[in-house]
N, C-alpha and C. Protein backbone atom coordinates (compact mmCIF):
# COMPACT_ATOMS: atom_id res chain seq x y z
N MET A 1 -28.23 -11.64 -16.32
CA MET A 1 -27.28 -11.07 -15.39
C MET A 1 -27.93 -10.90 -14.02
N ILE A 2 -27.20 -11.23 -12.99
CA ILE A 2 -27.70 -11.13 -11.62
C ILE A 2 -27.26 -9.80 -11.04
N ASP A 3 -28.20 -9.08 -10.44
CA ASP A 3 -27.86 -7.84 -9.75
C ASP A 3 -27.39 -8.17 -8.34
N TYR A 4 -26.23 -7.64 -7.97
CA TYR A 4 -25.76 -7.86 -6.61
C TYR A 4 -26.50 -6.89 -5.68
N PRO A 5 -26.62 -7.26 -4.40
CA PRO A 5 -27.31 -6.38 -3.47
C PRO A 5 -26.52 -5.08 -3.26
N LYS A 6 -27.24 -4.02 -3.00
CA LYS A 6 -26.62 -2.74 -2.67
C LYS A 6 -26.54 -2.63 -1.15
N TYR A 7 -25.37 -2.31 -0.67
CA TYR A 7 -25.16 -2.18 0.76
C TYR A 7 -25.03 -0.70 1.11
N LYS A 8 -26.12 -0.11 1.54
CA LYS A 8 -26.15 1.33 1.83
C LYS A 8 -25.62 1.65 3.23
N LYS A 9 -25.61 0.64 4.11
CA LYS A 9 -25.08 0.83 5.46
C LYS A 9 -24.13 -0.33 5.75
N VAL A 10 -22.84 -0.01 5.81
CA VAL A 10 -21.79 -1.01 6.01
C VAL A 10 -21.20 -0.79 7.39
N LEU A 11 -21.19 -1.85 8.20
CA LEU A 11 -20.61 -1.77 9.54
C LEU A 11 -19.26 -2.47 9.56
N PHE A 12 -18.22 -1.69 9.85
CA PHE A 12 -16.86 -2.21 10.01
C PHE A 12 -16.54 -2.23 11.49
N CYS A 13 -16.21 -3.39 12.02
CA CYS A 13 -15.91 -3.55 13.44
C CYS A 13 -14.40 -3.64 13.62
N THR A 14 -13.88 -2.87 14.56
CA THR A 14 -12.43 -2.84 14.75
C THR A 14 -12.04 -2.93 16.21
N ASP A 15 -10.94 -3.63 16.45
CA ASP A 15 -10.29 -3.59 17.76
C ASP A 15 -8.89 -2.98 17.59
N PHE A 16 -8.69 -2.34 16.43
CA PHE A 16 -7.44 -1.66 16.06
C PHE A 16 -6.27 -2.62 15.87
N SER A 17 -6.56 -3.88 15.69
CA SER A 17 -5.50 -4.87 15.47
C SER A 17 -5.16 -4.95 13.98
N LYS A 18 -4.10 -5.67 13.66
CA LYS A 18 -3.71 -5.89 12.27
C LYS A 18 -4.85 -6.57 11.51
N ASN A 19 -5.56 -7.47 12.18
CA ASN A 19 -6.66 -8.19 11.54
C ASN A 19 -7.79 -7.24 11.17
N SER A 20 -8.07 -6.29 12.03
CA SER A 20 -9.08 -5.29 11.70
C SER A 20 -8.62 -4.43 10.54
N ASP A 21 -7.36 -4.06 10.55
CA ASP A 21 -6.82 -3.24 9.46
C ASP A 21 -7.01 -3.93 8.11
N CYS A 22 -6.82 -5.27 8.08
CA CYS A 22 -7.01 -6.02 6.84
C CYS A 22 -8.45 -5.94 6.36
N ALA A 23 -9.39 -5.94 7.27
CA ALA A 23 -10.82 -5.92 6.91
C ALA A 23 -11.28 -4.52 6.49
N PHE A 24 -10.59 -3.48 6.91
CA PHE A 24 -11.01 -2.11 6.61
C PHE A 24 -11.14 -1.86 5.11
N ASP A 25 -10.16 -2.28 4.34
CA ASP A 25 -10.20 -2.04 2.90
C ASP A 25 -11.46 -2.63 2.26
N TYR A 26 -11.87 -3.79 2.72
CA TYR A 26 -13.08 -4.43 2.19
C TYR A 26 -14.32 -3.61 2.56
N ALA A 27 -14.42 -3.24 3.83
CA ALA A 27 -15.59 -2.47 4.29
C ALA A 27 -15.67 -1.13 3.56
N PHE A 28 -14.56 -0.45 3.48
CA PHE A 28 -14.52 0.85 2.81
C PHE A 28 -14.85 0.69 1.32
N GLY A 29 -14.31 -0.35 0.70
CA GLY A 29 -14.57 -0.60 -0.71
C GLY A 29 -16.04 -0.86 -1.00
N ILE A 30 -16.68 -1.64 -0.15
CA ILE A 30 -18.12 -1.92 -0.33
C ILE A 30 -18.93 -0.64 -0.19
N ALA A 31 -18.66 0.12 0.86
CA ALA A 31 -19.41 1.36 1.08
C ALA A 31 -19.20 2.34 -0.07
N LYS A 32 -17.97 2.45 -0.54
CA LYS A 32 -17.67 3.37 -1.64
C LYS A 32 -18.34 2.91 -2.94
N ARG A 33 -18.25 1.62 -3.24
CA ARG A 33 -18.84 1.07 -4.46
C ARG A 33 -20.34 1.33 -4.51
N ASP A 34 -21.01 1.16 -3.37
CA ASP A 34 -22.46 1.27 -3.33
C ASP A 34 -22.94 2.64 -2.87
N ASP A 35 -22.01 3.60 -2.76
CA ASP A 35 -22.34 4.95 -2.31
C ASP A 35 -23.09 4.91 -0.98
N GLY A 36 -22.59 4.06 -0.09
CA GLY A 36 -23.23 3.87 1.21
C GLY A 36 -22.49 4.58 2.32
N VAL A 37 -23.02 4.43 3.52
CA VAL A 37 -22.43 4.99 4.72
C VAL A 37 -21.59 3.90 5.39
N LEU A 38 -20.38 4.27 5.78
CA LEU A 38 -19.49 3.35 6.48
C LEU A 38 -19.53 3.68 7.97
N TYR A 39 -19.98 2.73 8.78
CA TYR A 39 -19.94 2.87 10.22
C TYR A 39 -18.70 2.15 10.71
N ILE A 40 -17.89 2.83 11.51
CA ILE A 40 -16.69 2.23 12.09
C ILE A 40 -16.95 2.10 13.58
N LEU A 41 -17.04 0.86 14.04
CA LEU A 41 -17.43 0.59 15.43
C LEU A 41 -16.30 -0.08 16.20
N ASN A 42 -16.02 0.47 17.37
CA ASN A 42 -15.10 -0.14 18.31
C ASN A 42 -15.87 -0.40 19.60
N VAL A 43 -15.81 -1.64 20.07
CA VAL A 43 -16.48 -2.00 21.32
C VAL A 43 -15.42 -2.21 22.39
N ILE A 44 -15.59 -1.51 23.48
CA ILE A 44 -14.67 -1.63 24.62
C ILE A 44 -15.24 -2.69 25.56
N PRO A 45 -14.51 -3.79 25.75
CA PRO A 45 -15.00 -4.84 26.65
C PRO A 45 -15.14 -4.31 28.07
N PRO A 46 -16.05 -4.89 28.84
CA PRO A 46 -16.20 -4.43 30.22
C PRO A 46 -14.92 -4.70 31.02
N ALA A 47 -14.63 -3.78 31.92
CA ALA A 47 -13.43 -3.91 32.76
C ALA A 47 -13.83 -3.68 34.21
N PRO A 48 -14.44 -4.67 34.85
CA PRO A 48 -14.91 -4.48 36.22
C PRO A 48 -13.79 -4.15 37.20
N GLN A 49 -12.59 -4.62 36.92
CA GLN A 49 -11.48 -4.35 37.82
C GLN A 49 -11.13 -2.86 37.88
N LEU A 50 -11.51 -2.10 36.84
CA LEU A 50 -11.24 -0.66 36.83
C LEU A 50 -11.99 0.03 37.97
N TYR A 51 -13.21 -0.41 38.26
CA TYR A 51 -13.99 0.20 39.32
C TYR A 51 -13.44 -0.13 40.69
N LYS A 52 -12.81 -1.30 40.81
CA LYS A 52 -12.19 -1.66 42.08
C LYS A 52 -10.99 -0.76 42.37
N LEU A 53 -10.33 -0.29 41.32
CA LEU A 53 -9.18 0.59 41.49
C LEU A 53 -9.58 1.89 42.18
N GLU A 54 -10.79 2.39 41.85
CA GLU A 54 -11.24 3.65 42.44
C GLU A 54 -11.37 3.53 43.95
N ASP A 55 -11.89 2.42 44.39
CA ASP A 55 -12.07 2.24 45.84
C ASP A 55 -10.75 2.02 46.56
N THR A 56 -9.80 1.38 45.89
CA THR A 56 -8.59 0.93 46.56
C THR A 56 -7.37 1.83 46.32
N TYR A 57 -7.11 2.17 45.03
CA TYR A 57 -5.83 2.80 44.72
C TYR A 57 -5.94 4.20 44.11
N LEU A 58 -7.01 4.48 43.41
CA LEU A 58 -7.11 5.74 42.67
C LEU A 58 -8.28 6.59 43.15
N THR A 59 -8.11 7.88 43.02
CA THR A 59 -9.24 8.77 43.31
C THR A 59 -10.15 8.81 42.09
N LYS A 60 -11.35 9.31 42.27
CA LYS A 60 -12.29 9.44 41.15
C LYS A 60 -11.68 10.33 40.07
N GLU A 61 -10.99 11.39 40.46
CA GLU A 61 -10.37 12.30 39.50
C GLU A 61 -9.28 11.60 38.68
N GLN A 62 -8.47 10.77 39.33
CA GLN A 62 -7.43 10.04 38.62
C GLN A 62 -8.04 9.05 37.63
N LEU A 63 -9.10 8.38 38.03
CA LEU A 63 -9.78 7.44 37.16
C LEU A 63 -10.40 8.16 35.96
N ASP A 64 -10.99 9.33 36.20
CA ASP A 64 -11.55 10.13 35.11
C ASP A 64 -10.46 10.58 34.14
N GLU A 65 -9.30 10.93 34.66
CA GLU A 65 -8.17 11.32 33.81
C GLU A 65 -7.72 10.15 32.94
N ILE A 66 -7.67 8.96 33.51
CA ILE A 66 -7.31 7.77 32.73
C ILE A 66 -8.32 7.54 31.62
N ARG A 67 -9.60 7.67 31.93
CA ARG A 67 -10.65 7.49 30.91
C ARG A 67 -10.50 8.52 29.79
N THR A 68 -10.18 9.76 30.13
CA THR A 68 -10.00 10.82 29.12
C THR A 68 -8.81 10.49 28.21
N ILE A 69 -7.73 10.04 28.80
CA ILE A 69 -6.54 9.66 28.01
C ILE A 69 -6.87 8.51 27.07
N LEU A 70 -7.59 7.51 27.57
CA LEU A 70 -7.96 6.37 26.74
C LEU A 70 -8.89 6.79 25.60
N ARG A 71 -9.83 7.71 25.88
CA ARG A 71 -10.75 8.19 24.84
C ARG A 71 -9.97 8.93 23.75
N LYS A 72 -9.04 9.80 24.14
CA LYS A 72 -8.24 10.55 23.17
C LYS A 72 -7.36 9.61 22.35
N ASP A 73 -6.80 8.59 23.00
CA ASP A 73 -5.97 7.62 22.30
C ASP A 73 -6.81 6.87 21.26
N ARG A 74 -8.03 6.49 21.63
CA ARG A 74 -8.93 5.79 20.70
C ARG A 74 -9.29 6.69 19.52
N GLU A 75 -9.57 7.97 19.78
CA GLU A 75 -9.88 8.91 18.69
C GLU A 75 -8.69 9.05 17.74
N LYS A 76 -7.48 9.07 18.29
CA LYS A 76 -6.28 9.15 17.45
C LYS A 76 -6.14 7.90 16.58
N MET A 77 -6.43 6.73 17.16
CA MET A 77 -6.33 5.49 16.39
C MET A 77 -7.38 5.47 15.27
N PHE A 78 -8.61 5.90 15.55
CA PHE A 78 -9.62 5.99 14.50
C PHE A 78 -9.10 6.85 13.36
N ASN A 79 -8.55 7.99 13.71
CA ASN A 79 -8.07 8.93 12.69
C ASN A 79 -6.87 8.38 11.94
N ASP A 80 -5.86 7.93 12.65
CA ASP A 80 -4.61 7.48 12.02
C ASP A 80 -4.81 6.22 11.18
N LYS A 81 -5.59 5.28 11.66
CA LYS A 81 -5.73 4.00 10.96
C LYS A 81 -6.77 4.04 9.85
N TYR A 82 -7.82 4.84 10.01
CA TYR A 82 -8.93 4.74 9.07
C TYR A 82 -9.33 6.07 8.43
N LEU A 83 -9.59 7.07 9.23
CA LEU A 83 -10.17 8.31 8.70
C LEU A 83 -9.24 9.06 7.75
N THR A 84 -7.94 8.93 7.94
CA THR A 84 -7.00 9.62 7.04
C THR A 84 -7.07 9.06 5.63
N HIS A 85 -7.61 7.86 5.45
CA HIS A 85 -7.71 7.22 4.13
C HIS A 85 -9.01 7.55 3.40
N ILE A 86 -9.88 8.30 4.05
CA ILE A 86 -11.20 8.58 3.49
C ILE A 86 -11.31 10.07 3.18
N LYS A 87 -11.54 10.39 1.90
CA LYS A 87 -11.67 11.79 1.51
C LYS A 87 -13.01 12.38 1.92
N ASP A 88 -14.10 11.68 1.57
CA ASP A 88 -15.45 12.17 1.86
C ASP A 88 -15.92 11.63 3.21
N LYS A 89 -15.68 12.40 4.26
CA LYS A 89 -16.03 11.94 5.61
C LYS A 89 -17.51 12.14 5.94
N THR A 90 -18.28 12.69 5.00
CA THR A 90 -19.72 12.86 5.25
C THR A 90 -20.44 11.51 5.26
N LYS A 91 -19.80 10.49 4.71
CA LYS A 91 -20.43 9.16 4.65
C LYS A 91 -19.77 8.18 5.62
N VAL A 92 -19.21 8.73 6.72
CA VAL A 92 -18.57 7.89 7.73
C VAL A 92 -19.11 8.27 9.10
N ARG A 93 -19.40 7.26 9.89
CA ARG A 93 -19.84 7.45 11.27
C ARG A 93 -18.92 6.63 12.16
N VAL A 94 -18.28 7.28 13.12
CA VAL A 94 -17.39 6.60 14.06
C VAL A 94 -18.15 6.43 15.37
N VAL A 95 -18.16 5.20 15.87
CA VAL A 95 -18.95 4.89 17.07
C VAL A 95 -18.12 4.05 18.02
N THR A 96 -18.24 4.36 19.31
CA THR A 96 -17.63 3.54 20.35
C THR A 96 -18.74 3.09 21.30
N GLU A 97 -18.75 1.82 21.60
CA GLU A 97 -19.71 1.25 22.54
C GLU A 97 -18.92 0.54 23.63
N SER A 98 -19.57 0.28 24.75
CA SER A 98 -18.95 -0.49 25.83
C SER A 98 -19.82 -1.69 26.14
N GLY A 99 -19.17 -2.83 26.36
CA GLY A 99 -19.90 -4.04 26.71
C GLY A 99 -19.27 -5.25 26.04
N ARG A 100 -20.02 -6.33 26.06
CA ARG A 100 -19.55 -7.57 25.43
C ARG A 100 -19.57 -7.38 23.92
N GLU A 101 -18.45 -7.64 23.27
CA GLU A 101 -18.26 -7.29 21.86
C GLU A 101 -19.37 -7.81 20.95
N ASP A 102 -19.61 -9.13 20.97
CA ASP A 102 -20.60 -9.69 20.05
C ASP A 102 -22.00 -9.14 20.31
N ASP A 103 -22.37 -8.98 21.56
CA ASP A 103 -23.70 -8.43 21.88
C ASP A 103 -23.85 -7.01 21.34
N LYS A 104 -22.86 -6.17 21.61
CA LYS A 104 -22.94 -4.77 21.21
C LYS A 104 -22.93 -4.61 19.68
N ILE A 105 -22.15 -5.42 19.01
CA ILE A 105 -22.07 -5.34 17.54
C ILE A 105 -23.42 -5.70 16.93
N ILE A 106 -24.01 -6.78 17.39
CA ILE A 106 -25.31 -7.19 16.85
C ILE A 106 -26.40 -6.20 17.21
N GLU A 107 -26.40 -5.71 18.44
CA GLU A 107 -27.39 -4.69 18.85
C GLU A 107 -27.28 -3.45 17.97
N PHE A 108 -26.05 -3.00 17.76
CA PHE A 108 -25.84 -1.80 16.95
C PHE A 108 -26.31 -2.03 15.51
N ALA A 109 -25.96 -3.17 14.96
CA ALA A 109 -26.35 -3.48 13.58
C ALA A 109 -27.86 -3.50 13.42
N GLN A 110 -28.56 -4.05 14.38
CA GLN A 110 -30.01 -4.09 14.31
C GLN A 110 -30.61 -2.70 14.49
N LYS A 111 -30.09 -1.95 15.46
CA LYS A 111 -30.62 -0.61 15.74
C LYS A 111 -30.46 0.31 14.54
N GLU A 112 -29.31 0.23 13.86
CA GLU A 112 -29.02 1.12 12.74
C GLU A 112 -29.47 0.55 11.39
N LYS A 113 -30.05 -0.65 11.41
CA LYS A 113 -30.51 -1.32 10.18
C LYS A 113 -29.36 -1.45 9.16
N ILE A 114 -28.26 -1.99 9.65
CA ILE A 114 -27.06 -2.21 8.85
C ILE A 114 -27.35 -3.28 7.79
N ASP A 115 -26.78 -3.12 6.59
CA ASP A 115 -26.99 -4.06 5.50
C ASP A 115 -25.97 -5.19 5.47
N ILE A 116 -24.72 -4.88 5.87
CA ILE A 116 -23.67 -5.90 5.89
C ILE A 116 -22.65 -5.52 6.96
N LEU A 117 -22.12 -6.53 7.62
CA LEU A 117 -21.15 -6.35 8.67
C LEU A 117 -19.82 -6.91 8.19
N VAL A 118 -18.74 -6.16 8.34
CA VAL A 118 -17.41 -6.60 7.91
C VAL A 118 -16.51 -6.65 9.13
N ILE A 119 -15.89 -7.82 9.33
CA ILE A 119 -15.05 -8.00 10.51
C ILE A 119 -13.84 -8.86 10.16
N GLY A 120 -12.71 -8.54 10.76
CA GLY A 120 -11.50 -9.34 10.58
C GLY A 120 -11.50 -10.48 11.58
N THR A 121 -10.67 -11.48 11.30
CA THR A 121 -10.56 -12.60 12.23
C THR A 121 -9.10 -12.97 12.43
N HIS A 122 -8.81 -13.46 13.61
CA HIS A 122 -7.45 -13.91 13.93
C HIS A 122 -7.18 -15.27 13.34
N GLY A 123 -8.22 -16.03 13.07
CA GLY A 123 -8.05 -17.37 12.53
C GLY A 123 -7.46 -18.33 13.54
N ARG A 124 -7.77 -18.12 14.82
CA ARG A 124 -7.24 -19.01 15.85
C ARG A 124 -7.87 -20.38 15.73
N THR A 125 -7.08 -21.39 16.07
CA THR A 125 -7.58 -22.76 16.08
C THR A 125 -7.09 -23.45 17.34
N GLY A 126 -7.57 -24.64 17.57
CA GLY A 126 -7.09 -25.46 18.67
C GLY A 126 -7.30 -24.84 20.03
N ILE A 127 -6.32 -25.02 20.90
CA ILE A 127 -6.43 -24.59 22.29
C ILE A 127 -6.54 -23.07 22.40
N GLU A 128 -5.87 -22.35 21.51
CA GLU A 128 -5.94 -20.89 21.50
C GLU A 128 -7.39 -20.43 21.28
N HIS A 129 -8.09 -21.12 20.36
CA HIS A 129 -9.50 -20.78 20.08
C HIS A 129 -10.38 -21.10 21.28
N VAL A 130 -10.10 -22.22 21.94
CA VAL A 130 -10.91 -22.63 23.09
C VAL A 130 -10.83 -21.59 24.19
N PHE A 131 -9.63 -21.09 24.49
CA PHE A 131 -9.46 -20.17 25.60
C PHE A 131 -9.78 -18.72 25.23
N LEU A 132 -9.46 -18.31 24.03
CA LEU A 132 -9.66 -16.92 23.65
C LEU A 132 -10.99 -16.69 22.93
N GLY A 133 -11.56 -17.75 22.39
CA GLY A 133 -12.84 -17.61 21.71
C GLY A 133 -12.70 -16.80 20.43
N SER A 134 -13.82 -16.52 19.83
CA SER A 134 -13.80 -15.76 18.59
C SER A 134 -15.03 -14.87 18.52
N VAL A 135 -14.80 -13.58 18.56
CA VAL A 135 -15.91 -12.63 18.43
C VAL A 135 -16.56 -12.82 17.07
N ALA A 136 -15.75 -13.00 16.03
CA ALA A 136 -16.30 -13.19 14.68
C ALA A 136 -17.21 -14.42 14.63
N GLU A 137 -16.79 -15.51 15.25
CA GLU A 137 -17.61 -16.72 15.23
C GLU A 137 -18.93 -16.51 15.96
N LYS A 138 -18.90 -15.83 17.10
CA LYS A 138 -20.12 -15.56 17.85
C LYS A 138 -21.08 -14.69 17.02
N ILE A 139 -20.53 -13.74 16.30
CA ILE A 139 -21.35 -12.87 15.47
C ILE A 139 -21.96 -13.65 14.32
N ILE A 140 -21.16 -14.48 13.66
CA ILE A 140 -21.65 -15.28 12.54
C ILE A 140 -22.83 -16.16 13.00
N ARG A 141 -22.70 -16.75 14.15
CA ARG A 141 -23.74 -17.65 14.65
C ARG A 141 -25.05 -16.91 14.95
N ARG A 142 -24.96 -15.66 15.37
CA ARG A 142 -26.16 -14.95 15.86
C ARG A 142 -26.67 -13.85 14.94
N SER A 143 -25.89 -13.43 13.97
CA SER A 143 -26.25 -12.26 13.19
C SER A 143 -27.44 -12.49 12.26
N PRO A 144 -28.39 -11.56 12.28
CA PRO A 144 -29.52 -11.65 11.35
C PRO A 144 -29.21 -11.02 9.99
N ILE A 145 -28.01 -10.43 9.86
CA ILE A 145 -27.61 -9.80 8.60
C ILE A 145 -26.36 -10.48 8.06
N PRO A 146 -26.05 -10.30 6.77
CA PRO A 146 -24.84 -10.91 6.21
C PRO A 146 -23.57 -10.42 6.93
N VAL A 147 -22.64 -11.34 7.12
CA VAL A 147 -21.36 -11.04 7.77
C VAL A 147 -20.25 -11.42 6.79
N PHE A 148 -19.38 -10.48 6.51
CA PHE A 148 -18.24 -10.70 5.63
C PHE A 148 -17.01 -10.79 6.53
N VAL A 149 -16.44 -11.98 6.67
CA VAL A 149 -15.31 -12.22 7.56
C VAL A 149 -14.04 -12.25 6.74
N ILE A 150 -13.08 -11.42 7.13
CA ILE A 150 -11.83 -11.27 6.40
C ILE A 150 -10.67 -11.84 7.21
N PRO A 151 -10.06 -12.93 6.75
CA PRO A 151 -8.86 -13.42 7.45
C PRO A 151 -7.68 -12.54 7.06
N CYS A 152 -6.80 -12.32 7.99
CA CYS A 152 -5.63 -11.48 7.73
C CYS A 152 -4.43 -12.37 7.48
N LYS A 153 -3.94 -12.30 6.28
CA LYS A 153 -2.77 -13.10 5.92
C LYS A 153 -1.69 -12.15 5.39
N ASP A 154 -0.44 -12.49 5.69
CA ASP A 154 0.63 -11.70 5.10
C ASP A 154 0.88 -12.19 3.68
N LYS A 155 1.89 -11.67 3.04
CA LYS A 155 2.16 -11.97 1.63
C LYS A 155 2.52 -13.43 1.39
N THR A 156 2.98 -14.12 2.42
CA THR A 156 3.34 -15.53 2.26
C THR A 156 2.14 -16.44 2.45
N GLY A 157 1.03 -15.87 2.89
CA GLY A 157 -0.17 -16.67 3.14
C GLY A 157 -0.21 -17.21 4.55
N LEU A 158 0.74 -16.82 5.38
CA LEU A 158 0.79 -17.27 6.77
C LEU A 158 0.50 -16.09 7.67
N ASP A 159 -0.04 -16.37 8.85
CA ASP A 159 -0.30 -15.29 9.84
C ASP A 159 0.99 -14.75 10.38
């Protein structure tokens, strides 16, 4: 009999999309099965145009208010989509980072010595893939740890 690896630190990456929601059950299941810690990570892509708004249209106070609203909205999404489904919250860490998604995910995984990374994918192909790219694909290519990629399909097997 082969012993499967124990994943004591499971990183679930979310952009709060339907695809991320599909991957959550897998990440949570792995962490629960192995009595591990589930890290839930959301990376906020850089928004350089936001800083231009401060100089041109908004005061610093208005921009700070927008950031506060966005932070509270993100906390509500973490709670509503994921944390409400977890009874033992002592084994969950919620983290938000800012920057390029694939870079921040890999940096975080290395820093925290994550055992497995779980991420959903849109399954884009063709021209859509060329223009929008794939965070999951970039992570798979560069990750030094195992990556579990979950495609999100509805009951008919179609996106």
